[in-house]
Amino acid sequence: MKLNTRSILKISLPLLLGVFLVWYSLSKVSIEELLIYAKKADYTWIILGVFLGLLSHLSRAYRWRFQLEPMGYHIKLGNSIMAVFATYLINYTIPRAGEVARASILTNYEDVPFEKGFGTIVAERIADMIVMLGIIAITLFLQFDFIYGFLIEKFDPTKIVVASVMGVLIIILFSRFIKKSNSKIALKIRTFVNGLIEGALSIFKMKKKWTFIFHTLFIWTMYLLMFYVTSLSISELDGISVGAILIGFISASFSIAATNGGIGSYPLAIYAAFSIFGIAEDPSIAFGWIMWASQTLMIIIFGGLSLVYLPIFNRQRTKGF
């Protein structure tokens, strides 16, 4: 299969960016200093953070079955779990290739048509995005005074007001253009937005919608808790505020989309968020690397085992569990 320039760039750019950000973060805090923090860290909290992350992934695998049942597919929980872990592992190599692999696993082992399996993955991403937007909204509400004060201190208030008004006007004009235009780009955007809305509303048409919603909230609660409890492993972060945890979590979550699995970008995103609260550079970056490394190690272990055991499991097992 030949790779065109666009495909090569999609694969290589995140990897190159990740390598650069790893170098940049290590220029801020040396490997020797990171090792000191790693040795001093309280591994009870790190292990608990890994456990909470594991629970979130298991919940995601269990939740996926609710989306497939209305279509008449009752997949084995084992296949769902291994497909989820394989997704995370593969995403460390090629961005978003894991989602394709996840749908393909269902096609190969559960006879679920690829487009249907992939459609459920898109729908669950919409649910996750809604929860993430909710977390951002709650953070803005709880930390409004702090964020407002920070912006006023760093930027000219007049420029903030002008930029806000301009931003609203641009959104309104852009929305009107998209609604009326028949260009290919406008049609694609309309289709995408309509798909998001339809996907979000389809959750409420699900037979087990409340269980689905519970697991969605549970997944993100575990994400937040694993972030918080892992921060407790660094003594220099004792007494860290809720606001710093929330903004750090949001920043770190977005960093995962920047590079493969957040390599390089994850620690720097946490440092950027924590610096707003006056938290020192060294422990911030050290925490970012410990957080990223512990969760990545868990994914490598369980993802690797999943890829190896999937064909064995489906050869030996004839009944779901």
C-alpha atoms as a PDB file:
ATOM      1  CA  MET A   1       0.000   0.000   0.000  1.00  0.00           C
ATOM      2  CA  LYS A   2       1.472   3.297  -1.058  1.00  0.00           C
ATOM      3  CA  LEU A   3       1.506   6.195   1.363  1.00  0.00           C
ATOM      4  CA  ASN A   4       0.811   9.638  -0.047  1.00  0.00           C
ATOM      5  CA  THR A   5       2.431  12.809   1.279  1.00  0.00           C
ATOM      6  CA  ARG A   6      -0.548  13.631   3.490  1.00  0.00           C
ATOM      7  CA  SER A   7      -0.458  10.202   5.170  1.00  0.00           C
ATOM      8  CA  ILE A   8       3.295  10.427   5.723  1.00  0.00           C
ATOM      9  CA  LEU A   9       2.918  13.873   7.326  1.00  0.00           C
ATOM     10  CA  LYS A  10       0.060  12.681   9.560  1.00  0.00           C
ATOM     11  CA  ILE A  11       2.294   9.905  10.873  1.00  0.00           C
ATOM     12  CA  SER A  12       5.665  11.668  11.000  1.00  0.00           C
ATOM     13  CA  LEU A  13       4.732  15.153  12.278  1.00  0.00           C
ATOM     14  CA  PRO A  14       3.287  14.030  15.653  1.00  0.00           C
ATOM     15  CA  LEU A  15       6.310  11.756  16.141  1.00  0.00           C
ATOM     16  CA  LEU A  16       8.768  14.540  15.316  1.00  0.00           C
ATOM     17  CA  LEU A  17       6.871  16.965  17.548  1.00  0.00           C
ATOM     18  CA  GLY A  18       6.958  14.394  20.345  1.00  0.00           C
ATOM     19  CA  VAL A  19      10.721  13.924  19.985  1.00  0.00           C
ATOM     20  CA  PHE A  20      11.254  17.699  20.032  1.00  0.00           C
ATOM     21  CA  LEU A  21       9.064  18.143  23.123  1.00  0.00           C
ATOM     22  CA  VAL A  22      10.870  15.321  24.937  1.00  0.00           C
ATOM     23  CA  TRP A  23      14.158  17.111  24.231  1.00  0.00           C
ATOM     24  CA  TYR A  24      12.673  20.440  25.297  1.00  0.00           C
ATOM     25  CA  SER A  25      11.284  19.116  28.589  1.00  0.00           C
ATOM     26  CA  LEU A  26      14.598  17.431  29.373  1.00  0.00           C
ATOM     27  CA  SER A  27      16.342  20.739  28.722  1.00  0.00           C
ATOM     28  CA  LYS A  28      14.150  22.196  31.472  1.00  0.00           C
ATOM     29  CA  VAL A  29      14.661  19.352  33.954  1.00  0.00           C
ATOM     30  CA  SER A  30      17.530  16.919  33.426  1.00  0.00           C
ATOM     31  CA  ILE A  31      17.166  13.143  33.482  1.00  0.00           C
ATOM     32  CA  GLU A  32      19.223  13.061  36.688  1.00  0.00           C
ATOM     33  CA  GLU A  33      16.767  15.416  38.406  1.00  0.00           C
ATOM     34  CA  LEU A  34      13.795  13.413  37.130  1.00  0.00           C
ATOM     35  CA  LEU A  35      15.345  10.229  38.526  1.00  0.00           C
ATOM     36  CA  ILE A  36      15.714  11.912  41.923  1.00  0.00           C
ATOM     37  CA  TYR A  37      12.019  12.788  41.908  1.00  0.00           C
ATOM     38  CA  ALA A  38      11.176   9.249  40.770  1.00  0.00           C
ATOM     39  CA  LYS A  39      13.190   7.740  43.639  1.00  0.00           C
ATOM     40  CA  LYS A  40      11.604  10.059  46.215  1.00  0.00           C
ATOM     41  CA  ALA A  41       8.056   9.523  44.906  1.00  0.00           C
ATOM     42  CA  ASP A  42       5.478   7.698  47.032  1.00  0.00           C
ATOM     43  CA  TYR A  43       4.662   4.679  44.866  1.00  0.00           C
ATOM     44  CA  THR A  44       1.539   3.864  46.847  1.00  0.00           C
ATOM     45  CA  TRP A  45      -0.167   6.829  45.175  1.00  0.00           C
ATOM     46  CA  ILE A  46       1.294   6.003  41.768  1.00  0.00           C
ATOM     47  CA  ILE A  47       0.027   2.407  41.947  1.00  0.00           C
ATOM     48  CA  LEU A  48      -3.391   3.653  43.077  1.00  0.00           C
ATOM     49  CA  GLY A  49      -3.413   6.057  40.113  1.00  0.00           C
ATOM     50  CA  VAL A  50      -2.633   3.188  37.737  1.00  0.00           C
ATOM     51  CA  PHE A  51      -5.424   1.126  39.315  1.00  0.00           C
ATOM     52  CA  LEU A  52      -7.930   3.958  38.821  1.00  0.00           C
ATOM     53  CA  GLY A  53      -6.799   4.293  35.203  1.00  0.00           C
ATOM     54  CA  LEU A  54      -7.297   0.549  34.769  1.00  0.00           C
ATOM     55  CA  LEU A  55     -10.831   0.827  36.153  1.00  0.00           C
ATOM     56  CA  SER A  56     -11.647   3.581  33.652  1.00  0.00           C
ATOM     57  CA  HIS A  57     -10.499   1.427  30.720  1.00  0.00           C
ATOM     58  CA  LEU A  58     -12.476  -1.593  31.954  1.00  0.00           C
ATOM     59  CA  SER A  59     -15.547   0.605  32.337  1.00  0.00           C
ATOM     60  CA  ARG A  60     -15.049   1.882  28.772  1.00  0.00           C
ATOM     61  CA  ALA A  61     -14.941  -1.692  27.483  1.00  0.00           C
ATOM     62  CA  TYR A  62     -18.087  -2.603  29.419  1.00  0.00           C
ATOM     63  CA  ARG A  63     -19.899   0.551  28.233  1.00  0.00           C
ATOM     64  CA  TRP A  64     -19.135  -0.261  24.596  1.00  0.00           C
ATOM     65  CA  ARG A  65     -21.343  -3.352  24.749  1.00  0.00           C
ATOM     66  CA  PHE A  66     -24.419  -1.194  25.467  1.00  0.00           C
ATOM     67  CA  GLN A  67     -23.954   0.580  22.137  1.00  0.00           C
ATOM     68  CA  LEU A  68     -23.727  -2.667  20.182  1.00  0.00           C
ATOM     69  CA  GLU A  69     -26.638  -4.507  21.803  1.00  0.00           C
ATOM     70  CA  PRO A  70     -29.417  -2.438  20.098  1.00  0.00           C
ATOM     71  CA  MET A  71     -27.929  -3.522  16.743  1.00  0.00           C
ATOM     72  CA  GLY A  72     -28.181  -7.182  17.761  1.00  0.00           C
ATOM     73  CA  TYR A  73     -24.523  -7.782  18.626  1.00  0.00           C
ATOM     74  CA  HIS A  74     -23.693  -9.301  22.014  1.00  0.00           C
ATOM     75  CA  ILE A  75     -19.915  -9.314  22.061  1.00  0.00           C
ATOM     76  CA  LYS A  76     -17.741 -11.099  24.604  1.00  0.00           C
ATOM     77  CA  LEU A  77     -16.523  -8.856  27.388  1.00  0.00           C
ATOM     78  CA  GLY A  78     -13.026 -10.269  26.936  1.00  0.00           C
ATOM     79  CA  ASN A  79     -12.898  -9.142  23.316  1.00  0.00           C
ATOM     80  CA  SER A  80     -14.209  -5.708  24.256  1.00  0.00           C
ATOM     81  CA  ILE A  81     -11.573  -5.275  26.977  1.00  0.00           C
ATOM     82  CA  MET A  82      -8.694  -6.428  24.791  1.00  0.00           C
ATOM     83  CA  ALA A  83      -9.873  -4.295  21.866  1.00  0.00           C
ATOM     84  CA  VAL A  84      -9.881  -1.182  24.083  1.00  0.00           C
ATOM     85  CA  PHE A  85      -6.361  -1.808  25.396  1.00  0.00           C
ATOM     86  CA  ALA A  86      -5.106  -2.607  21.891  1.00  0.00           C
ATOM     87  CA  THR A  87      -6.566   0.730  20.734  1.00  0.00           C
ATOM     88  CA  TYR A  88      -4.577   2.724  23.262  1.00  0.00           C
ATOM     89  CA  LEU A  89      -1.365   0.875  22.471  1.00  0.00           C
ATOM     90  CA  ILE A  90      -1.691   1.245  18.692  1.00  0.00           C
ATOM     91  CA  ASN A  91      -2.434   4.963  19.065  1.00  0.00           C
ATOM     92  CA  TYR A  92       1.115   5.359  20.371  1.00  0.00           C
ATOM     93  CA  THR A  93       2.390   4.407  16.915  1.00  0.00           C
ATOM     94  CA  ILE A  94       0.005   6.009  14.408  1.00  0.00           C
ATOM     95  CA  PRO A  95      -2.500   8.659  15.612  1.00  0.00           C
ATOM     96  CA  ARG A  96      -6.107   7.396  15.540  1.00  0.00           C
ATOM     97  CA  ALA A  97      -5.056   4.075  13.993  1.00  0.00           C
ATOM     98  CA  GLY A  98      -6.183   2.449  17.227  1.00  0.00           C
ATOM     99  CA  GLU A  99      -9.841   3.287  16.594  1.00  0.00           C
ATOM    100  CA  VAL A 100      -9.659   1.618  13.183  1.00  0.00           C
ATOM    101  CA  ALA A 101      -7.956  -1.418  14.729  1.00  0.00           C
ATOM    102  CA  ARG A 102     -10.593  -1.569  17.471  1.00  0.00           C
ATOM    103  CA  ALA A 103     -13.434  -1.747  14.967  1.00  0.00           C
ATOM    104  CA  SER A 104     -11.452  -4.284  12.926  1.00  0.00           C
ATOM    105  CA  ILE A 105     -11.039  -6.545  15.975  1.00  0.00           C
ATOM    106  CA  LEU A 106     -14.816  -6.701  16.329  1.00  0.00           C
ATOM    107  CA  THR A 107     -15.151  -7.487  12.630  1.00  0.00           C
ATOM    108  CA  ASN A 108     -12.617 -10.313  12.835  1.00  0.00           C
ATOM    109  CA  TYR A 109     -13.711 -11.921  16.095  1.00  0.00           C
ATOM    110  CA  GLU A 110     -17.361 -10.910  16.602  1.00  0.00           C
ATOM    111  CA  ASP A 111     -18.598 -10.524  12.992  1.00  0.00           C
ATOM    112  CA  VAL A 112     -19.635  -6.914  13.637  1.00  0.00           C
ATOM    113  CA  PRO A 113     -19.544  -4.942  10.349  1.00  0.00           C
ATOM    114  CA  PHE A 114     -16.659  -2.493  10.409  1.00  0.00           C
ATOM    115  CA  GLU A 115     -18.783   0.605   9.718  1.00  0.00           C
ATOM    116  CA  LYS A 116     -21.150  -0.231  12.597  1.00  0.00           C
ATOM    117  CA  GLY A 117     -18.348  -0.881  15.050  1.00  0.00           C
ATOM    118  CA  PHE A 118     -16.561   2.297  14.007  1.00  0.00           C
ATOM    119  CA  GLY A 119     -19.819   4.249  14.267  1.00  0.00           C
ATOM    120  CA  THR A 120     -20.193   3.259  17.922  1.00  0.00           C
ATOM    121  CA  ILE A 121     -16.631   4.425  18.597  1.00  0.00           C
ATOM    122  CA  VAL A 122     -17.414   7.826  17.064  1.00  0.00           C
ATOM    123  CA  ALA A 123     -20.594   8.036  19.177  1.00  0.00           C
ATOM    124  CA  GLU A 124     -18.710   7.268  22.389  1.00  0.00           C
ATOM    125  CA  ARG A 125     -16.124   9.932  21.528  1.00  0.00           C
ATOM    126  CA  ILE A 126     -19.003  12.399  21.252  1.00  0.00           C
ATOM    127  CA  ALA A 127     -20.181  11.379  24.734  1.00  0.00           C
ATOM    128  CA  ASP A 128     -16.643  11.819  26.069  1.00  0.00           C
ATOM    129  CA  MET A 129     -16.351  15.218  24.402  1.00  0.00           C
ATOM    130  CA  ILE A 130     -19.593  16.363  26.055  1.00  0.00           C
ATOM    131  CA  VAL A 131     -18.278  15.345  29.485  1.00  0.00           C
ATOM    132  CA  MET A 132     -14.960  17.086  28.780  1.00  0.00           C
ATOM    133  CA  LEU A 133     -16.810  20.276  27.850  1.00  0.00           C
ATOM    134  CA  GLY A 134     -18.740  19.907  31.102  1.00  0.00           C
ATOM    135  CA  ILE A 135     -15.485  19.672  33.074  1.00  0.00           C
ATOM    136  CA  ILE A 136     -14.183  22.783  31.310  1.00  0.00           C
ATOM    137  CA  ALA A 137     -17.424  24.641  32.095  1.00  0.00           C
ATOM    138  CA  ILE A 138     -17.287  23.625  35.781  1.00  0.00           C
ATOM    139  CA  THR A 139     -13.634  24.670  35.967  1.00  0.00           C
ATOM    140  CA  LEU A 140     -14.399  28.068  34.440  1.00  0.00           C
ATOM    141  CA  PHE A 141     -17.267  28.525  36.918  1.00  0.00           C
ATOM    142  CA  LEU A 142     -15.235  27.500  39.983  1.00  0.00           C
ATOM    143  CA  GLN A 143     -12.095  29.372  38.940  1.00  0.00           C
ATOM    144  CA  PHE A 144     -13.686  32.358  37.192  1.00  0.00           C
ATOM    145  CA  ASP A 145     -12.240  34.984  39.545  1.00  0.00           C
ATOM    146  CA  PHE A 146      -8.762  33.457  39.375  1.00  0.00           C
ATOM    147  CA  ILE A 147      -8.788  33.018  35.569  1.00  0.00           C
ATOM    148  CA  TYR A 148     -10.248  36.502  35.064  1.00  0.00           C
ATOM    149  CA  GLY A 149      -7.625  38.021  37.375  1.00  0.00           C
ATOM    150  CA  PHE A 150      -4.846  36.130  35.590  1.00  0.00           C
ATOM    151  CA  LEU A 151      -6.007  37.361  32.169  1.00  0.00           C
ATOM    152  CA  ILE A 152      -6.344  40.948  33.412  1.00  0.00           C
ATOM    153  CA  GLU A 153      -2.844  40.777  34.871  1.00  0.00           C
ATOM    154  CA  LYS A 154      -1.270  39.316  31.736  1.00  0.00           C
ATOM    155  CA  PHE A 155      -3.285  41.086  29.040  1.00  0.00           C
ATOM    156  CA  ASP A 156      -4.806  44.517  28.413  1.00  0.00           C
ATOM    157  CA  PRO A 157      -8.517  44.360  29.515  1.00  0.00           C
ATOM    158  CA  THR A 158      -9.548  46.403  26.458  1.00  0.00           C
ATOM    159  CA  LYS A 159      -7.885  43.905  24.152  1.00  0.00           C
ATOM    160  CA  ILE A 160      -9.652  41.015  25.951  1.00  0.00           C
ATOM    161  CA  VAL A 161     -13.066  42.654  25.468  1.00  0.00           C
ATOM    162  CA  VAL A 162     -12.352  43.475  21.819  1.00  0.00           C
ATOM    163  CA  ALA A 163     -11.047  39.958  21.156  1.00  0.00           C
ATOM    164  CA  SER A 164     -14.119  38.422  22.844  1.00  0.00           C
ATOM    165  CA  VAL A 165     -16.544  40.537  20.803  1.00  0.00           C
ATOM    166  CA  MET A 166     -14.634  39.790  17.603  1.00  0.00           C
ATOM    167  CA  GLY A 167     -14.641  36.105  18.455  1.00  0.00           C
ATOM    168  CA  VAL A 168     -18.426  36.068  18.960  1.00  0.00           C
ATOM    169  CA  LEU A 169     -19.001  37.984  15.704  1.00  0.00           C
ATOM    170  CA  ILE A 170     -16.727  35.612  13.766  1.00  0.00           C
ATOM    171  CA  ILE A 171     -18.607  32.584  15.166  1.00  0.00           C
ATOM    172  CA  ILE A 172     -21.991  34.106  14.229  1.00  0.00           C
ATOM    173  CA  LEU A 173     -20.872  35.041  10.711  1.00  0.00           C
ATOM    174  CA  PHE A 174     -19.173  31.687  10.190  1.00  0.00           C
ATOM    175  CA  SER A 175     -22.309  29.827  11.361  1.00  0.00           C
ATOM    176  CA  ARG A 176     -24.510  31.777   8.953  1.00  0.00           C
ATOM    177  CA  PHE A 177     -22.073  31.122   6.106  1.00  0.00           C
ATOM    178  CA  ILE A 178     -22.037  27.375   6.833  1.00  0.00           C
ATOM    179  CA  LYS A 179     -25.851  27.218   6.960  1.00  0.00           C
ATOM    180  CA  LYS A 180     -26.327  28.997   3.611  1.00  0.00           C
ATOM    181  CA  SER A 181     -23.277  27.916   1.618  1.00  0.00           C
ATOM    182  CA  ASN A 182     -23.305  24.920  -0.736  1.00  0.00           C
ATOM    183  CA  SER A 183     -19.524  24.624  -0.972  1.00  0.00           C
ATOM    184  CA  LYS A 184     -17.885  21.259  -0.306  1.00  0.00           C
ATOM    185  CA  ILE A 185     -16.264  22.490   2.911  1.00  0.00           C
ATOM    186  CA  ALA A 186     -19.563  23.899   4.223  1.00  0.00           C
ATOM    187  CA  LEU A 187     -21.371  20.652   3.403  1.00  0.00           C
ATOM    188  CA  LYS A 188     -18.704  18.615   5.194  1.00  0.00           C
ATOM    189  CA  ILE A 189     -18.913  20.852   8.279  1.00  0.00           C
ATOM    190  CA  ARG A 190     -22.719  20.670   8.311  1.00  0.00           C
ATOM    191  CA  THR A 191     -22.589  16.893   7.970  1.00  0.00           C
ATOM    192  CA  PHE A 192     -20.027  16.655  10.767  1.00  0.00           C
ATOM    193  CA  VAL A 193     -22.012  18.905  13.149  1.00  0.00           C
ATOM    194  CA  ASN A 194     -25.277  17.100  12.366  1.00  0.00           C
ATOM    195  CA  GLY A 195     -23.498  13.814  13.017  1.00  0.00           C
ATOM    196  CA  LEU A 196     -22.302  15.082  16.403  1.00  0.00           C
ATOM    197  CA  ILE A 197     -25.819  16.141  17.359  1.00  0.00           C
ATOM    198  CA  GLU A 198     -27.351  12.894  16.105  1.00  0.00           C
ATOM    199  CA  GLY A 199     -24.712  10.843  17.895  1.00  0.00           C
ATOM    200  CA  ALA A 200     -25.272  12.706  21.161  1.00  0.00           C
ATOM    201  CA  LEU A 201     -29.059  12.336  20.942  1.00  0.00           C
ATOM    202  CA  SER A 202     -28.775   8.629  20.063  1.00  0.00           C
ATOM    203  CA  ILE A 203     -27.412   8.001  23.558  1.00  0.00           C
ATOM    204  CA  PHE A 204     -30.810   8.891  25.006  1.00  0.00           C
ATOM    205  CA  LYS A 205     -32.511   6.434  22.628  1.00  0.00           C
ATOM    206  CA  MET A 206     -30.370   3.596  23.948  1.00  0.00           C
ATOM    207  CA  LYS A 207     -32.127   0.836  25.907  1.00  0.00           C
ATOM    208  CA  LYS A 208     -29.613   1.094  28.763  1.00  0.00           C
ATOM    209  CA  LYS A 209     -28.975   4.818  28.406  1.00  0.00           C
ATOM    210  CA  TRP A 210     -28.736   5.546  32.123  1.00  0.00           C
ATOM    211  CA  THR A 211     -26.198   2.760  32.623  1.00  0.00           C
ATOM    212  CA  PHE A 212     -24.266   4.150  29.650  1.00  0.00           C
ATOM    213  CA  ILE A 213     -24.354   7.646  31.150  1.00  0.00           C
ATOM    214  CA  PHE A 214     -23.264   6.265  34.542  1.00  0.00           C
ATOM    215  CA  HIS A 215     -20.239   4.542  33.000  1.00  0.00           C
ATOM    216  CA  THR A 216     -19.363   7.674  31.013  1.00  0.00           C
ATOM    217  CA  LEU A 217     -19.341   9.757  34.204  1.00  0.00           C
ATOM    218  CA  PHE A 218     -17.486   6.965  36.033  1.00  0.00           C
ATOM    219  CA  ILE A 219     -14.760   6.873  33.356  1.00  0.00           C
ATOM    220  CA  TRP A 220     -14.066  10.593  33.640  1.00  0.00           C
ATOM    221  CA  THR A 221     -14.271  10.544  37.424  1.00  0.00           C
ATOM    222  CA  MET A 222     -11.567   7.878  37.407  1.00  0.00           C
ATOM    223  CA  TYR A 223      -9.487   9.996  35.014  1.00  0.00           C
ATOM    224  CA  LEU A 224      -9.678  12.966  37.376  1.00  0.00           C
ATOM    225  CA  LEU A 225      -8.989  10.870  40.462  1.00  0.00           C
ATOM    226  CA  MET A 226      -5.980   9.119  38.911  1.00  0.00           C
ATOM    227  CA  PHE A 227      -4.559  12.541  38.034  1.00  0.00           C
ATOM    228  CA  TYR A 228      -5.115  13.835  41.568  1.00  0.00           C
ATOM    229  CA  VAL A 229      -3.877  10.798  43.526  1.00  0.00           C
ATOM    230  CA  THR A 230      -0.740  10.544  41.380  1.00  0.00           C
ATOM    231  CA  SER A 231       0.052  14.181  42.236  1.00  0.00           C
ATOM    232  CA  LEU A 232       0.137  13.099  45.905  1.00  0.00           C
ATOM    233  CA  SER A 233       3.227  11.003  45.118  1.00  0.00           C
ATOM    234  CA  ILE A 234       5.293  14.210  44.780  1.00  0.00           C
ATOM    235  CA  SER A 235       5.851  15.805  48.200  1.00  0.00           C
ATOM    236  CA  GLU A 236       6.538  19.210  46.594  1.00  0.00           C
ATOM    237  CA  LEU A 237       2.948  19.240  45.319  1.00  0.00           C
ATOM    238  CA  ASP A 238       1.393  18.847  48.781  1.00  0.00           C
ATOM    239  CA  GLY A 239      -1.571  21.159  49.220  1.00  0.00           C
ATOM    240  CA  ILE A 240      -2.106  21.665  45.494  1.00  0.00           C
ATOM    241  CA  SER A 241      -5.412  23.426  44.852  1.00  0.00           C
ATOM    242  CA  VAL A 242      -8.475  21.952  43.168  1.00  0.00           C
ATOM    243  CA  GLY A 243      -8.183  24.645  40.503  1.00  0.00           C
ATOM    244  CA  ALA A 244      -4.631  23.601  39.631  1.00  0.00           C
ATOM    245  CA  ILE A 245      -5.694  19.947  39.409  1.00  0.00           C
ATOM    246  CA  LEU A 246      -8.639  20.752  37.134  1.00  0.00           C
ATOM    247  CA  ILE A 247      -6.733  23.075  34.795  1.00  0.00           C
ATOM    248  CA  GLY A 248      -3.735  20.727  34.784  1.00  0.00           C
ATOM    249  CA  PHE A 249      -5.995  17.801  33.914  1.00  0.00           C
ATOM    250  CA  ILE A 250      -7.675  19.702  31.063  1.00  0.00           C
ATOM    251  CA  SER A 251      -4.338  20.873  29.672  1.00  0.00           C
ATOM    252  CA  ALA A 252      -2.861  17.364  29.872  1.00  0.00           C
ATOM    253  CA  SER A 253      -5.936  15.833  28.198  1.00  0.00           C
ATOM    254  CA  PHE A 254      -5.611  18.107  25.185  1.00  0.00           C
ATOM    255  CA  SER A 255      -1.875  17.403  24.961  1.00  0.00           C
ATOM    256  CA  ILE A 256      -2.598  13.750  24.138  1.00  0.00           C
ATOM    257  CA  ALA A 257      -4.015  14.865  20.785  1.00  0.00           C
ATOM    258  CA  ALA A 258      -0.861  16.861  19.978  1.00  0.00           C
ATOM    259  CA  THR A 259       1.548  13.914  19.930  1.00  0.00           C
ATOM    260  CA  ASN A 260       1.244  10.127  19.949  1.00  0.00           C
ATOM    261  CA  GLY A 261      -0.122   9.297  23.382  1.00  0.00           C
ATOM    262  CA  GLY A 262       1.028  12.671  24.706  1.00  0.00           C
ATOM    263  CA  ILE A 263       4.732  11.805  24.523  1.00  0.00           C
ATOM    264  CA  GLY A 264       6.758  14.920  25.346  1.00  0.00           C
ATOM    265  CA  SER A 265       3.705  17.191  25.312  1.00  0.00           C
ATOM    266  CA  TYR A 266       2.061  15.754  28.454  1.00  0.00           C
ATOM    267  CA  PRO A 267       4.648  16.939  31.041  1.00  0.00           C
ATOM    268  CA  LEU A 268       4.951  20.359  29.391  1.00  0.00           C
ATOM    269  CA  ALA A 269       1.164  20.800  29.322  1.00  0.00           C
ATOM    270  CA  ILE A 270       1.011  20.116  33.062  1.00  0.00           C
ATOM    271  CA  TYR A 271       3.878  22.525  33.716  1.00  0.00           C
ATOM    272  CA  ALA A 272       2.157  25.247  31.647  1.00  0.00           C
ATOM    273  CA  ALA A 273      -1.051  24.804  33.674  1.00  0.00           C
ATOM    274  CA  PHE A 274       0.638  24.570  37.084  1.00  0.00           C
ATOM    275  CA  SER A 275       2.822  27.621  36.386  1.00  0.00           C
ATOM    276  CA  ILE A 276      -0.342  29.751  36.363  1.00  0.00           C
ATOM    277  CA  PHE A 277      -0.702  28.883  40.059  1.00  0.00           C
ATOM    278  CA  GLY A 278       2.949  29.634  40.816  1.00  0.00           C
ATOM    279  CA  ILE A 279       3.924  25.974  41.194  1.00  0.00           C
ATOM    280  CA  ALA A 280       7.636  25.354  40.630  1.00  0.00           C
ATOM    281  CA  GLU A 281       8.871  24.055  37.283  1.00  0.00           C
ATOM    282  CA  ASP A 282      10.848  20.998  38.431  1.00  0.00           C
ATOM    283  CA  PRO A 283       8.114  19.185  40.426  1.00  0.00           C
ATOM    284  CA  SER A 284       5.504  20.062  37.771  1.00  0.00           C
ATOM    285  CA  ILE A 285       7.485  18.492  34.933  1.00  0.00           C
ATOM    286  CA  ALA A 286       8.561  15.572  37.163  1.00  0.00           C
ATOM    287  CA  PHE A 287       4.918  14.882  38.043  1.00  0.00           C
ATOM    288  CA  GLY A 288       3.994  15.057  34.344  1.00  0.00           C
ATOM    289  CA  TRP A 289       6.608  12.449  33.449  1.00  0.00           C
ATOM    290  CA  ILE A 290       5.654  10.166  36.362  1.00  0.00           C
ATOM    291  CA  MET A 291       1.973  10.448  35.466  1.00  0.00           C
ATOM    292  CA  TRP A 292       2.597   9.807  31.778  1.00  0.00           C
ATOM    293  CA  ALA A 293       5.130   7.001  32.318  1.00  0.00           C
ATOM    294  CA  SER A 294       2.998   5.074  34.824  1.00  0.00           C
ATOM    295  CA  GLN A 295      -0.120   5.155  32.631  1.00  0.00           C
ATOM    296  CA  THR A 296       1.891   4.409  29.478  1.00  0.00           C
ATOM    297  CA  LEU A 297       3.563   1.405  31.127  1.00  0.00           C
ATOM    298  CA  MET A 298       0.133   0.066  32.070  1.00  0.00           C
ATOM    299  CA  ILE A 299      -1.055   0.482  28.452  1.00  0.00           C
ATOM    300  CA  ILE A 300       2.073  -1.195  27.048  1.00  0.00           C
ATOM    301  CA  ILE A 301       1.645  -4.207  29.356  1.00  0.00           C
ATOM    302  CA  PHE A 302      -2.104  -4.722  28.960  1.00  0.00           C
ATOM    303  CA  GLY A 303      -2.183  -3.617  25.320  1.00  0.00           C
ATOM    304  CA  GLY A 304       0.661  -5.947  24.424  1.00  0.00           C
ATOM    305  CA  LEU A 305      -0.939  -8.873  26.271  1.00  0.00           C
ATOM    306  CA  SER A 306      -4.249  -8.117  24.534  1.00  0.00           C
ATOM    307  CA  LEU A 307      -2.726  -8.240  21.042  1.00  0.00           C
ATOM    308  CA  VAL A 308      -1.008 -11.550  21.865  1.00  0.00           C
ATOM    309  CA  TYR A 309      -3.958 -13.181  23.623  1.00  0.00           C
ATOM    310  CA  LEU A 310      -6.793 -12.071  21.301  1.00  0.00           C
ATOM    311  CA  PRO A 311      -6.336 -14.904  18.741  1.00  0.00           C
ATOM    312  CA  ILE A 312      -5.761 -17.452  21.532  1.00  0.00           C
ATOM    313  CA  PHE A 313      -8.856 -16.336  23.437  1.00  0.00           C
ATOM    314  CA  ASN A 314     -11.053 -16.558  20.359  1.00  0.00           C
ATOM    315  CA  ARG A 315      -9.702 -19.973  19.412  1.00  0.00           C
ATOM    316  CA  GLN A 316     -10.281 -21.523  22.818  1.00  0.00           C
ATOM    317  CA  ARG A 317     -13.412 -19.772  24.003  1.00  0.00           C
ATOM    318  CA  THR A 318     -16.809 -20.426  22.523  1.00  0.00           C
ATOM    319  CA  LYS A 319     -18.859 -18.793  25.248  1.00  0.00           C
ATOM    320  CA  GLY A 320     -18.806 -15.158  26.327  1.00  0.00           C
ATOM    321  CA  PHE A 321     -17.795 -14.112  29.821  1.00  0.00           C
END
